[in-house]
């Protein structure tokens, strides 16, 4: 009898240990911003594609269509508003074309100063800020699809309002967002609260019922 009780106690102890050793399956974490979410579109984690974009996650990169206010202190002939052309560059007096696509305003400022330092100005001080962002595009089931000026901190919902609102046939819960990037163009299904960036294209689909 004692031997049987001991055997049963050993069996229960073994089951308890094996239960403690089991660990939960790892759970995939959602990307921290919409740019990451766009890259994860093909992954099965649906929540990842709905993560809102956080404006402070990365600095803004310039591209064609941006208008810049460039100030070269003490040089009125160089201080002006410059547009980033289709080729991704700006053209300034003395130094000619300066590549801007993919740069931040700080990086462009440093690039301009370096060029001016080569035989034009001894210690140039250059400040660059975005005066007008490149537009965004909204297509599909809105009253007035087209191209519109971008305003900082815009959401998909405010973009729809600017375009005259949804049509009666619009799919209102999720929308398609296309975002051009330096390496590739990304696509995702996002919510109305997602923050936009200049150059984004929004497509409002048609609901089926």
N, C-alpha and C. Protein backbone atom coordinates (compact mmCIF):
# COMPACT_ATOMS: atom_id res chain seq x y z
N UNK A 1 0.83 -1.20 0.00
CA UNK A 1 0.00 0.00 0.00
C UNK A 1 0.87 1.26 0.00
N UNK A 2 1.89 1.25 0.86
CA UNK A 2 2.78 2.42 0.90
C UNK A 2 3.49 2.61 -0.42
N UNK A 3 3.89 1.49 -1.05
CA UNK A 3 4.57 1.60 -2.34
C UNK A 3 3.65 2.20 -3.39
N UNK A 4 2.35 1.83 -3.38
CA UNK A 4 1.40 2.38 -4.35
C UNK A 4 1.18 3.87 -4.13
N UNK A 5 1.06 4.29 -2.88
CA UNK A 5 0.88 5.73 -2.57
C UNK A 5 2.09 6.54 -3.04
N UNK A 6 3.28 5.96 -2.81
CA UNK A 6 4.50 6.67 -3.24
C UNK A 6 4.55 6.81 -4.74
N UNK A 7 4.11 5.76 -5.45
CA UNK A 7 4.10 5.80 -6.93
C UNK A 7 3.14 6.87 -7.43
N UNK A 8 1.95 6.95 -6.79
CA UNK A 8 0.95 7.97 -7.21
C UNK A 8 1.47 9.37 -6.93
N UNK A 9 2.11 9.56 -5.79
CA UNK A 9 2.66 10.88 -5.45
C UNK A 9 3.74 11.30 -6.44
N UNK A 10 4.58 10.34 -6.85
CA UNK A 10 5.63 10.65 -7.83
C UNK A 10 5.04 11.04 -9.16
N UNK A 11 3.92 10.37 -9.56
CA UNK A 11 3.25 10.68 -10.82
C UNK A 11 2.70 12.10 -10.82
N UNK A 12 2.02 12.49 -9.74
CA UNK A 12 1.49 13.85 -9.63
C UNK A 12 2.60 14.90 -9.64
N UNK A 13 3.71 14.61 -9.00
CA UNK A 13 4.84 15.55 -8.98
C UNK A 13 5.40 15.75 -10.37
N UNK A 14 5.48 14.66 -11.15
CA UNK A 14 6.01 14.77 -12.51
C UNK A 14 5.09 15.61 -13.39
N UNK A 15 3.77 15.41 -13.22
CA UNK A 15 2.80 16.21 -14.00
C UNK A 15 2.90 17.68 -13.65
N UNK A 16 3.08 17.98 -12.36
CA UNK A 16 3.18 19.38 -11.94
C UNK A 16 4.41 20.04 -12.53
N UNK A 17 5.54 19.33 -12.56
CA UNK A 17 6.76 19.91 -13.11
C UNK A 17 6.63 20.16 -14.59
N UNK A 18 6.03 19.19 -15.32
CA UNK A 18 5.87 19.38 -16.77
C UNK A 18 4.95 20.53 -17.07
N UNK A 19 3.93 20.76 -16.23
CA UNK A 19 3.03 21.90 -16.43
C UNK A 19 3.73 23.22 -16.23
N UNK A 20 4.63 23.28 -15.26
CA UNK A 20 5.36 24.52 -14.99
C UNK A 20 6.33 24.84 -16.11
N UNK A 21 6.80 23.78 -16.79
CA UNK A 21 7.81 24.01 -17.83
C UNK A 21 7.19 24.52 -19.12
N UNK A 22 5.86 24.46 -19.27
CA UNK A 22 5.24 24.93 -20.49
C UNK A 22 5.27 26.46 -20.54
N UNK A 23 5.60 27.02 -21.68
CA UNK A 23 5.64 28.48 -21.85
C UNK A 23 4.68 28.88 -22.93
N UNK A 24 4.17 30.10 -22.80
CA UNK A 24 3.22 30.60 -23.79
C UNK A 24 3.92 30.84 -25.12
N UNK A 25 3.17 30.65 -26.20
CA UNK A 25 3.72 30.90 -27.53
C UNK A 25 4.03 32.37 -27.69
N UNK A 26 5.13 32.72 -28.34
CA UNK A 26 5.46 34.14 -28.51
C UNK A 26 4.41 34.86 -29.34
N UNK A 27 4.12 36.09 -28.95
CA UNK A 27 3.13 36.90 -29.64
C UNK A 27 3.84 37.97 -30.44
N UNK A 28 3.54 38.09 -31.72
CA UNK A 28 4.19 39.09 -32.56
C UNK A 28 3.77 40.48 -32.13
N UNK A 29 4.72 41.36 -31.96
CA UNK A 29 4.42 42.73 -31.56
C UNK A 29 4.14 43.58 -32.78
N UNK A 30 3.20 44.53 -32.62
CA UNK A 30 2.86 45.41 -33.73
C UNK A 30 3.98 46.41 -33.97
N UNK A 31 4.19 46.82 -35.21
CA UNK A 31 5.21 47.84 -35.49
C UNK A 31 4.90 49.13 -34.78
N UNK A 32 5.91 49.94 -34.52
CA UNK A 32 5.74 51.16 -33.73
C UNK A 32 5.13 52.31 -34.51
N UNK A 33 5.10 52.24 -35.83
CA UNK A 33 4.51 53.32 -36.59
C UNK A 33 3.99 52.81 -37.92
N UNK A 34 3.30 53.67 -38.63
CA UNK A 34 2.66 53.26 -39.87
C UNK A 34 3.67 52.85 -40.92
N UNK A 35 4.85 53.46 -40.95
CA UNK A 35 5.85 53.07 -41.93
C UNK A 35 6.22 51.60 -41.75
N UNK A 36 6.41 51.17 -40.48
CA UNK A 36 6.68 49.77 -40.23
C UNK A 36 5.47 48.93 -40.60
N UNK A 37 4.27 49.43 -40.26
CA UNK A 37 3.06 48.68 -40.55
C UNK A 37 2.89 48.46 -42.05
N UNK A 38 3.22 49.47 -42.86
CA UNK A 38 3.10 49.33 -44.30
C UNK A 38 4.01 48.22 -44.80
N UNK A 39 5.20 48.13 -44.25
CA UNK A 39 6.14 47.11 -44.68
C UNK A 39 5.69 45.71 -44.26
N UNK A 40 4.80 45.64 -43.25
CA UNK A 40 4.36 44.35 -42.74
C UNK A 40 3.03 43.91 -43.34
N UNK A 41 2.59 44.53 -44.43
CA UNK A 41 1.26 44.25 -44.94
C UNK A 41 1.04 42.77 -45.26
N UNK A 42 2.06 42.10 -45.75
CA UNK A 42 1.91 40.71 -46.16
C UNK A 42 1.91 39.75 -44.97
N UNK A 43 2.15 40.24 -43.78
CA UNK A 43 2.18 39.37 -42.62
C UNK A 43 0.77 39.19 -42.07
N UNK A 44 0.50 38.06 -41.39
CA UNK A 44 -0.86 37.77 -40.96
C UNK A 44 -1.35 38.61 -39.81
N UNK A 45 -0.50 39.38 -39.15
CA UNK A 45 -0.92 40.19 -38.02
C UNK A 45 -1.69 41.41 -38.52
N UNK A 46 -3.02 41.34 -38.50
CA UNK A 46 -3.86 42.42 -39.03
C UNK A 46 -3.69 43.69 -38.22
N UNK A 47 -3.52 43.56 -36.91
CA UNK A 47 -3.38 44.75 -36.06
C UNK A 47 -2.18 45.57 -36.46
N UNK A 48 -1.14 44.93 -36.98
CA UNK A 48 0.08 45.65 -37.34
C UNK A 48 -0.19 46.67 -38.43
N UNK A 49 -1.08 46.35 -39.38
CA UNK A 49 -1.31 47.26 -40.48
C UNK A 49 -2.21 48.43 -40.08
N UNK A 50 -2.72 48.41 -38.85
CA UNK A 50 -3.60 49.48 -38.40
C UNK A 50 -2.93 50.38 -37.37
N UNK A 51 -1.63 50.17 -37.13
CA UNK A 51 -0.93 50.98 -36.15
C UNK A 51 -0.81 52.42 -36.65
N UNK A 52 -1.15 53.42 -35.81
CA UNK A 52 -1.07 54.82 -36.26
C UNK A 52 0.37 55.27 -36.39
N UNK A 53 0.58 56.21 -37.29
CA UNK A 53 1.91 56.77 -37.47
C UNK A 53 2.20 57.80 -36.40
N UNK A 54 3.37 57.73 -35.81
CA UNK A 54 3.78 58.70 -34.80
C UNK A 54 4.69 59.72 -35.45
N UNK A 55 4.28 61.02 -35.48
CA UNK A 55 5.04 62.04 -36.22
C UNK A 55 6.49 62.17 -35.80
N UNK A 56 6.80 61.88 -34.55
CA UNK A 56 8.16 62.09 -34.08
C UNK A 56 9.08 60.91 -34.29
N UNK A 57 8.61 59.85 -34.95
CA UNK A 57 9.42 58.65 -35.08
C UNK A 57 10.65 58.86 -35.95
N UNK A 58 10.55 59.63 -37.01
CA UNK A 58 11.70 59.88 -37.86
C UNK A 58 11.59 61.25 -38.48
N UNK A 59 12.70 61.89 -38.80
CA UNK A 59 12.65 63.24 -39.37
C UNK A 59 12.09 63.21 -40.78
N UNK A 60 11.50 64.33 -41.17
CA UNK A 60 10.89 64.44 -42.48
C UNK A 60 11.95 64.49 -43.56
N UNK A 61 11.77 63.72 -44.62
CA UNK A 61 12.70 63.70 -45.73
C UNK A 61 12.11 64.45 -46.92
N UNK A 62 12.89 65.30 -47.51
CA UNK A 62 12.43 66.16 -48.60
C UNK A 62 12.27 65.37 -49.89
N UNK A 63 11.39 65.90 -50.76
CA UNK A 63 11.19 65.27 -52.06
C UNK A 63 10.60 66.29 -53.02
N UNK A 64 10.45 65.89 -54.28
CA UNK A 64 9.91 66.78 -55.31
C UNK A 64 8.54 67.30 -54.90
N UNK A 65 8.35 68.61 -55.10
CA UNK A 65 7.08 69.24 -54.74
C UNK A 65 7.15 70.05 -53.46
N UNK A 66 8.15 69.81 -52.63
CA UNK A 66 8.32 70.61 -51.42
C UNK A 66 8.86 71.99 -51.79
N UNK A 67 8.38 73.02 -51.09
CA UNK A 67 8.93 74.37 -51.24
C UNK A 67 9.63 74.74 -49.95
N UNK A 68 10.85 75.22 -50.08
CA UNK A 68 11.71 75.46 -48.93
C UNK A 68 12.05 76.93 -48.80
N UNK A 69 12.07 77.41 -47.56
CA UNK A 69 12.58 78.74 -47.26
C UNK A 69 14.01 78.57 -46.79
N UNK A 70 14.96 79.07 -47.60
CA UNK A 70 16.38 78.93 -47.27
C UNK A 70 16.94 80.31 -46.97
N UNK A 71 17.49 80.44 -45.78
CA UNK A 71 18.07 81.70 -45.33
C UNK A 71 19.57 81.52 -45.18
N UNK A 72 20.32 82.33 -45.91
CA UNK A 72 21.77 82.40 -45.74
C UNK A 72 22.05 83.75 -45.08
N UNK A 73 22.36 83.73 -43.81
CA UNK A 73 22.44 84.96 -43.04
C UNK A 73 23.49 85.90 -43.59
N UNK A 74 23.06 87.17 -43.79
CA UNK A 74 23.93 88.20 -44.33
C UNK A 74 24.05 88.16 -45.84
N UNK A 75 23.28 87.29 -46.50
CA UNK A 75 23.36 87.16 -47.96
C UNK A 75 21.95 87.22 -48.55
N UNK A 76 21.45 88.43 -48.79
CA UNK A 76 20.09 88.59 -49.29
C UNK A 76 19.93 88.00 -50.69
N UNK A 77 20.97 87.98 -51.47
CA UNK A 77 20.87 87.43 -52.81
C UNK A 77 20.69 85.93 -52.83
N UNK A 78 21.04 85.25 -51.74
CA UNK A 78 20.89 83.80 -51.66
C UNK A 78 19.64 83.38 -50.89
N UNK A 79 19.18 84.26 -50.01
CA UNK A 79 18.01 83.96 -49.21
C UNK A 79 16.75 84.05 -50.06
N UNK A 80 16.00 82.95 -50.13
CA UNK A 80 14.82 82.93 -51.00
C UNK A 80 14.03 81.66 -50.74
N UNK A 81 12.89 81.52 -51.46
CA UNK A 81 12.10 80.29 -51.46
C UNK A 81 12.49 79.47 -52.67
N UNK A 82 12.79 78.20 -52.45
CA UNK A 82 13.23 77.31 -53.53
C UNK A 82 12.34 76.07 -53.56
N UNK A 83 12.00 75.63 -54.76
CA UNK A 83 11.19 74.42 -54.92
C UNK A 83 12.09 73.23 -55.24
N UNK A 84 11.77 72.09 -54.64
CA UNK A 84 12.47 70.86 -55.00
C UNK A 84 11.86 70.36 -56.30
N UNK A 85 12.68 70.32 -57.36
CA UNK A 85 12.19 69.96 -58.67
C UNK A 85 11.94 68.48 -58.84
N UNK A 86 11.46 68.10 -60.02
CA UNK A 86 11.14 66.70 -60.30
C UNK A 86 12.37 65.81 -60.17
N UNK A 87 13.54 66.37 -60.42
CA UNK A 87 14.77 65.60 -60.29
C UNK A 87 15.26 65.46 -58.86
N UNK A 88 14.57 66.13 -57.91
CA UNK A 88 14.94 66.01 -56.50
C UNK A 88 15.96 67.01 -56.03
N UNK A 89 16.21 68.07 -56.83
CA UNK A 89 17.22 69.06 -56.45
C UNK A 89 16.63 70.45 -56.40
N UNK A 90 17.33 71.37 -55.73
CA UNK A 90 17.02 72.79 -55.78
C UNK A 90 18.16 73.48 -56.53
N UNK A 91 17.88 74.65 -57.06
CA UNK A 91 18.90 75.41 -57.79
C UNK A 91 19.08 76.77 -57.13
N UNK A 92 20.30 77.06 -56.69
CA UNK A 92 20.61 78.30 -56.00
C UNK A 92 21.66 79.09 -56.77
N UNK A 93 21.68 80.41 -56.59
CA UNK A 93 22.76 81.22 -57.19
C UNK A 93 24.12 80.77 -56.66
N UNK A 94 25.13 80.98 -57.44
CA UNK A 94 26.53 80.65 -57.14
C UNK A 94 26.81 79.16 -57.19
N UNK A 95 26.02 78.35 -56.48
CA UNK A 95 26.37 76.94 -56.34
C UNK A 95 25.56 76.02 -57.25
N UNK A 96 24.54 76.55 -57.92
CA UNK A 96 23.78 75.74 -58.87
C UNK A 96 22.90 74.69 -58.19
N UNK A 97 22.82 73.51 -58.82
CA UNK A 97 21.93 72.46 -58.31
C UNK A 97 22.47 71.80 -57.06
N UNK A 98 21.57 71.60 -56.09
CA UNK A 98 21.91 70.92 -54.83
C UNK A 98 20.91 69.79 -54.61
N UNK A 99 21.33 68.54 -54.56
CA UNK A 99 20.40 67.43 -54.31
C UNK A 99 19.70 67.59 -52.97
N UNK A 100 18.37 67.39 -52.97
CA UNK A 100 17.59 67.53 -51.74
C UNK A 100 16.76 66.30 -51.43
N UNK A 101 16.45 65.51 -52.43
CA UNK A 101 15.58 64.34 -52.21
C UNK A 101 16.19 63.38 -51.19
N UNK A 102 15.36 62.99 -50.22
CA UNK A 102 15.81 62.05 -49.21
C UNK A 102 16.55 62.67 -48.04
N UNK A 103 16.85 63.98 -48.12
CA UNK A 103 17.56 64.66 -47.03
C UNK A 103 16.58 65.28 -46.06
N UNK A 104 17.02 65.46 -44.82
CA UNK A 104 16.27 66.28 -43.87
C UNK A 104 16.66 67.74 -44.10
N UNK A 105 15.91 68.66 -43.48
CA UNK A 105 16.26 70.08 -43.63
C UNK A 105 17.64 70.36 -43.05
N UNK A 106 18.01 69.68 -41.96
CA UNK A 106 19.33 69.89 -41.36
C UNK A 106 20.43 69.39 -42.29
N UNK A 107 20.19 68.25 -42.94
CA UNK A 107 21.20 67.72 -43.86
C UNK A 107 21.36 68.61 -45.09
N UNK A 108 20.24 69.13 -45.59
CA UNK A 108 20.33 70.03 -46.73
C UNK A 108 21.05 71.32 -46.35
N UNK A 109 20.77 71.83 -45.17
CA UNK A 109 21.45 73.03 -44.68
C UNK A 109 22.96 72.83 -44.64
N UNK A 110 23.39 71.68 -44.14
CA UNK A 110 24.82 71.38 -44.07
C UNK A 110 25.42 71.24 -45.46
N UNK A 111 24.68 70.66 -46.39
CA UNK A 111 25.17 70.50 -47.75
C UNK A 111 25.36 71.85 -48.45
N UNK A 112 24.38 72.73 -48.27
CA UNK A 112 24.48 74.07 -48.88
C UNK A 112 25.66 74.84 -48.29
N UNK A 113 25.80 74.78 -46.97
CA UNK A 113 26.91 75.49 -46.31
C UNK A 113 28.26 74.97 -46.80
N UNK A 114 28.37 73.66 -46.98
CA UNK A 114 29.63 73.09 -47.45
C UNK A 114 29.97 73.57 -48.86
N UNK A 115 28.96 73.68 -49.73
CA UNK A 115 29.20 74.16 -51.09
C UNK A 115 29.58 75.64 -51.10
N UNK A 116 28.92 76.44 -50.25
CA UNK A 116 29.24 77.87 -50.20
C UNK A 116 30.64 78.10 -49.63
N UNK A 117 31.09 77.18 -48.80
CA UNK A 117 32.41 77.33 -48.19
C UNK A 117 33.54 77.10 -49.19
N UNK A 118 33.21 76.50 -50.32
CA UNK A 118 34.23 76.21 -51.33
C UNK A 118 34.44 77.41 -52.24
N UNK A 119 35.01 78.47 -51.69
CA UNK A 119 35.41 79.60 -52.50
C UNK A 119 34.42 80.75 -52.57
N UNK A 120 33.29 80.66 -51.85
CA UNK A 120 32.30 81.74 -51.91
C UNK A 120 32.18 82.49 -50.58
N UNK A 121 31.92 81.77 -49.49
CA UNK A 121 31.77 82.39 -48.17
C UNK A 121 32.66 81.67 -47.18
N UNK A 122 33.26 82.45 -46.29
CA UNK A 122 34.19 81.85 -45.33
C UNK A 122 33.45 81.02 -44.29
N UNK A 123 32.45 81.59 -43.64
CA UNK A 123 31.70 80.88 -42.62
C UNK A 123 30.20 81.08 -42.86
N UNK A 124 29.62 80.40 -43.83
CA UNK A 124 28.19 80.57 -44.10
C UNK A 124 27.33 79.93 -43.02
N UNK A 125 26.26 80.63 -42.68
CA UNK A 125 25.29 80.08 -41.74
C UNK A 125 23.98 79.93 -42.49
N UNK A 126 23.50 78.70 -42.64
CA UNK A 126 22.35 78.41 -43.49
C UNK A 126 21.24 77.77 -42.65
N UNK A 127 20.02 78.27 -42.83
CA UNK A 127 18.84 77.68 -42.18
C UNK A 127 17.85 77.29 -43.26
N UNK A 128 17.29 76.08 -43.12
CA UNK A 128 16.31 75.57 -44.10
C UNK A 128 15.06 75.12 -43.35
N UNK A 129 13.90 75.56 -43.84
CA UNK A 129 12.65 75.07 -43.30
C UNK A 129 11.67 74.84 -44.44
N UNK A 130 10.72 73.92 -44.21
CA UNK A 130 9.72 73.62 -45.22
C UNK A 130 8.65 74.69 -45.18
N UNK A 131 8.49 75.39 -46.29
CA UNK A 131 7.46 76.43 -46.38
C UNK A 131 6.13 75.84 -46.82
N UNK A 132 6.16 74.95 -47.80
CA UNK A 132 4.96 74.25 -48.27
C UNK A 132 5.33 72.81 -48.57
N UNK A 133 4.57 71.88 -47.98
CA UNK A 133 4.82 70.47 -48.22
C UNK A 133 4.24 70.03 -49.56
N UNK A 134 4.80 68.98 -50.11
CA UNK A 134 4.23 68.42 -51.34
C UNK A 134 2.83 67.88 -51.04
N UNK A 135 1.95 67.82 -52.04
CA UNK A 135 0.55 67.48 -51.78
C UNK A 135 0.34 65.99 -51.50
N UNK A 136 -0.86 65.68 -51.02
CA UNK A 136 -1.29 64.29 -50.92
C UNK A 136 -2.40 64.07 -51.94
N UNK A 137 -2.74 62.82 -52.19
CA UNK A 137 -3.75 62.48 -53.19
C UNK A 137 -4.81 61.60 -52.54
N UNK A 138 -6.06 61.83 -52.90
CA UNK A 138 -7.15 60.99 -52.40
C UNK A 138 -8.04 60.61 -53.57
N UNK A 139 -8.29 59.33 -53.71
CA UNK A 139 -9.01 58.77 -54.85
C UNK A 139 -10.15 57.87 -54.37
N UNK A 140 -11.03 57.52 -55.29
CA UNK A 140 -12.09 56.58 -54.96
C UNK A 140 -13.37 57.24 -54.53
N UNK A 141 -14.02 56.66 -53.53
CA UNK A 141 -15.37 57.04 -53.14
C UNK A 141 -15.41 58.25 -52.20
N UNK A 142 -14.97 59.40 -52.72
CA UNK A 142 -15.14 60.68 -52.04
C UNK A 142 -15.77 61.65 -53.03
N UNK A 143 -16.35 62.72 -52.51
CA UNK A 143 -17.09 63.64 -53.37
C UNK A 143 -16.20 64.32 -54.40
N UNK A 144 -14.99 64.67 -54.03
CA UNK A 144 -14.10 65.41 -54.94
C UNK A 144 -12.69 64.82 -54.88
N UNK A 145 -12.45 63.68 -55.51
CA UNK A 145 -11.10 63.10 -55.50
C UNK A 145 -10.11 64.00 -56.22
N UNK A 146 -8.86 63.90 -55.82
CA UNK A 146 -7.84 64.71 -56.49
C UNK A 146 -6.63 64.95 -55.61
N UNK A 147 -5.91 66.02 -55.92
CA UNK A 147 -4.67 66.40 -55.23
C UNK A 147 -4.97 67.59 -54.33
N UNK A 148 -4.45 67.53 -53.07
CA UNK A 148 -4.72 68.60 -52.11
C UNK A 148 -3.44 68.95 -51.34
N UNK A 149 -3.33 70.21 -50.89
CA UNK A 149 -2.15 70.58 -50.09
C UNK A 149 -2.11 69.82 -48.77
N UNK A 150 -0.93 69.41 -48.39
CA UNK A 150 -0.75 68.72 -47.12
C UNK A 150 -0.61 69.74 -45.99
N UNK A 151 -1.23 69.40 -44.87
CA UNK A 151 -1.12 70.21 -43.64
C UNK A 151 -0.59 69.30 -42.54
N UNK A 152 0.40 69.73 -41.77
CA UNK A 152 0.94 68.87 -40.71
C UNK A 152 -0.15 68.35 -39.77
N UNK A 153 0.03 67.12 -39.32
CA UNK A 153 -0.86 66.43 -38.39
C UNK A 153 -2.22 66.07 -39.00
N UNK A 154 -2.30 66.01 -40.32
CA UNK A 154 -3.51 65.55 -40.98
C UNK A 154 -3.72 64.06 -40.74
N UNK A 155 -4.98 63.67 -40.61
CA UNK A 155 -5.33 62.25 -40.56
C UNK A 155 -6.07 61.88 -41.83
N UNK A 156 -6.27 60.58 -42.02
CA UNK A 156 -7.06 60.12 -43.16
C UNK A 156 -8.46 60.71 -43.10
N UNK A 157 -9.02 60.79 -41.92
CA UNK A 157 -10.38 61.32 -41.75
C UNK A 157 -10.47 62.78 -42.18
N UNK A 158 -9.48 63.60 -41.78
CA UNK A 158 -9.50 65.01 -42.18
C UNK A 158 -9.27 65.16 -43.68
N UNK A 159 -8.48 64.25 -44.28
CA UNK A 159 -8.28 64.29 -45.73
C UNK A 159 -9.59 64.00 -46.46
N UNK A 160 -10.36 63.05 -45.94
CA UNK A 160 -11.67 62.74 -46.53
C UNK A 160 -12.58 63.96 -46.45
N UNK A 161 -12.54 64.67 -45.32
CA UNK A 161 -13.37 65.86 -45.17
C UNK A 161 -12.97 66.94 -46.17
N UNK A 162 -11.67 67.12 -46.38
CA UNK A 162 -11.19 68.10 -47.35
C UNK A 162 -11.68 67.76 -48.76
N UNK A 163 -11.79 66.47 -49.04
CA UNK A 163 -12.23 66.01 -50.36
C UNK A 163 -13.75 65.94 -50.48
N UNK A 164 -14.48 66.56 -49.55
CA UNK A 164 -15.93 66.63 -49.65
C UNK A 164 -16.69 65.53 -48.96
N UNK A 165 -16.00 64.63 -48.27
CA UNK A 165 -16.66 63.56 -47.54
C UNK A 165 -16.86 62.31 -48.38
N UNK A 166 -17.35 61.27 -47.71
CA UNK A 166 -17.60 59.99 -48.37
C UNK A 166 -18.80 60.06 -49.31
N UNK A 167 -18.78 59.26 -50.35
CA UNK A 167 -19.98 59.03 -51.15
C UNK A 167 -20.84 58.00 -50.42
N UNK A 168 -22.11 57.85 -50.80
CA UNK A 168 -22.97 56.85 -50.13
C UNK A 168 -22.46 55.42 -50.27
N UNK A 169 -21.63 55.14 -51.26
CA UNK A 169 -21.15 53.77 -51.49
C UNK A 169 -19.80 53.50 -50.85
N UNK A 170 -19.25 54.45 -50.12
CA UNK A 170 -17.88 54.33 -49.63
C UNK A 170 -17.74 53.30 -48.52
N UNK A 171 -16.62 52.61 -48.52
CA UNK A 171 -16.20 51.76 -47.41
C UNK A 171 -15.54 52.67 -46.38
N UNK A 172 -16.16 52.82 -45.22
CA UNK A 172 -15.73 53.84 -44.27
C UNK A 172 -14.83 53.34 -43.16
N UNK A 173 -14.70 52.06 -42.98
CA UNK A 173 -13.94 51.56 -41.84
C UNK A 173 -12.44 51.54 -42.12
N UNK A 174 -12.03 50.95 -43.22
CA UNK A 174 -10.61 50.86 -43.56
C UNK A 174 -10.37 51.44 -44.95
N UNK A 175 -9.21 52.04 -45.14
CA UNK A 175 -8.86 52.63 -46.43
C UNK A 175 -7.46 52.15 -46.84
N UNK A 176 -7.19 52.23 -48.13
CA UNK A 176 -5.88 51.83 -48.64
C UNK A 176 -4.96 53.05 -48.68
N UNK A 177 -3.76 52.89 -48.16
CA UNK A 177 -2.78 53.96 -48.14
C UNK A 177 -1.52 53.52 -48.86
N UNK A 178 -1.05 54.35 -49.78
CA UNK A 178 0.21 54.10 -50.48
C UNK A 178 1.19 55.20 -50.09
N UNK A 179 2.38 54.80 -49.67
CA UNK A 179 3.38 55.77 -49.21
C UNK A 179 4.70 55.54 -49.94
N UNK A 180 5.15 56.52 -50.73
CA UNK A 180 6.44 56.36 -51.40
C UNK A 180 7.58 56.45 -50.40
N UNK A 181 8.59 55.63 -50.61
CA UNK A 181 9.76 55.66 -49.74
C UNK A 181 11.02 55.75 -50.57
N UNK A 182 12.14 55.96 -49.89
CA UNK A 182 13.42 56.10 -50.59
C UNK A 182 13.81 54.80 -51.27
N UNK A 183 13.51 53.66 -50.61
CA UNK A 183 13.88 52.36 -51.17
C UNK A 183 12.76 51.76 -52.01
N UNK A 184 11.50 51.91 -51.55
CA UNK A 184 10.38 51.29 -52.25
C UNK A 184 9.09 51.97 -51.82
N UNK A 185 8.03 51.69 -52.57
CA UNK A 185 6.70 52.20 -52.22
C UNK A 185 5.98 51.15 -51.39
N UNK A 186 5.38 51.58 -50.27
CA UNK A 186 4.72 50.65 -49.36
C UNK A 186 3.20 50.85 -49.43
N UNK A 187 2.46 49.79 -49.14
CA UNK A 187 1.01 49.81 -49.17
C UNK A 187 0.47 49.19 -47.89
N UNK A 188 -0.69 49.67 -47.42
CA UNK A 188 -1.32 49.07 -46.24
C UNK A 188 -2.79 49.47 -46.17
N UNK A 189 -3.54 48.69 -45.43
CA UNK A 189 -4.91 49.05 -45.06
C UNK A 189 -4.84 49.70 -43.69
N UNK A 190 -5.33 50.92 -43.56
CA UNK A 190 -5.19 51.68 -42.32
C UNK A 190 -6.55 52.21 -41.88
N UNK A 191 -6.61 52.68 -40.65
CA UNK A 191 -7.84 53.23 -40.09
C UNK A 191 -7.93 54.73 -40.38
N UNK A 192 -9.12 55.30 -40.12
CA UNK A 192 -9.35 56.72 -40.41
C UNK A 192 -8.49 57.63 -39.53
N UNK A 193 -8.04 57.13 -38.39
CA UNK A 193 -7.24 57.96 -37.49
C UNK A 193 -5.76 57.99 -37.82
N UNK A 194 -5.34 57.30 -38.86
CA UNK A 194 -3.92 57.25 -39.22
C UNK A 194 -3.43 58.62 -39.69
N UNK A 195 -2.28 59.04 -39.20
CA UNK A 195 -1.70 60.31 -39.61
C UNK A 195 -1.03 60.16 -40.97
N UNK A 196 -1.21 61.17 -41.81
CA UNK A 196 -0.66 61.16 -43.16
C UNK A 196 0.69 61.83 -43.21
N UNK A 197 1.37 61.61 -44.34
CA UNK A 197 2.59 62.32 -44.65
C UNK A 197 2.49 62.86 -46.06
N UNK A 198 3.25 63.90 -46.37
CA UNK A 198 3.22 64.44 -47.73
C UNK A 198 3.53 63.37 -48.77
N UNK A 199 2.80 63.42 -49.89
CA UNK A 199 3.01 62.45 -50.95
C UNK A 199 2.20 61.19 -50.83
N UNK A 200 1.49 61.00 -49.70
CA UNK A 200 0.65 59.81 -49.53
C UNK A 200 -0.50 59.81 -50.53
N UNK A 201 -0.92 58.62 -50.92
CA UNK A 201 -2.11 58.45 -51.74
C UNK A 201 -3.12 57.59 -50.99
N UNK A 202 -4.33 58.12 -50.82
CA UNK A 202 -5.39 57.41 -50.13
C UNK A 202 -6.40 56.94 -51.16
N UNK A 203 -6.85 55.70 -51.05
CA UNK A 203 -7.89 55.18 -51.94
C UNK A 203 -9.05 54.68 -51.08
N UNK A 204 -10.21 55.31 -51.26
CA UNK A 204 -11.42 54.93 -50.55
C UNK A 204 -12.18 53.94 -51.42
N UNK A 205 -12.31 52.71 -50.95
CA UNK A 205 -12.96 51.67 -51.73
C UNK A 205 -14.48 51.75 -51.67
N UNK A 206 -15.12 50.92 -52.47
CA UNK A 206 -16.57 50.84 -52.51
C UNK A 206 -17.03 49.64 -51.70
N UNK A 207 -18.03 49.86 -50.84
CA UNK A 207 -18.54 48.74 -50.05
C UNK A 207 -19.44 47.88 -50.94
N UNK A 208 -19.52 46.62 -50.55
CA UNK A 208 -20.24 45.65 -51.38
C UNK A 208 -21.71 45.49 -50.99
N UNK A 209 -22.11 46.04 -49.84
CA UNK A 209 -23.53 45.92 -49.43
C UNK A 209 -23.88 47.11 -48.57
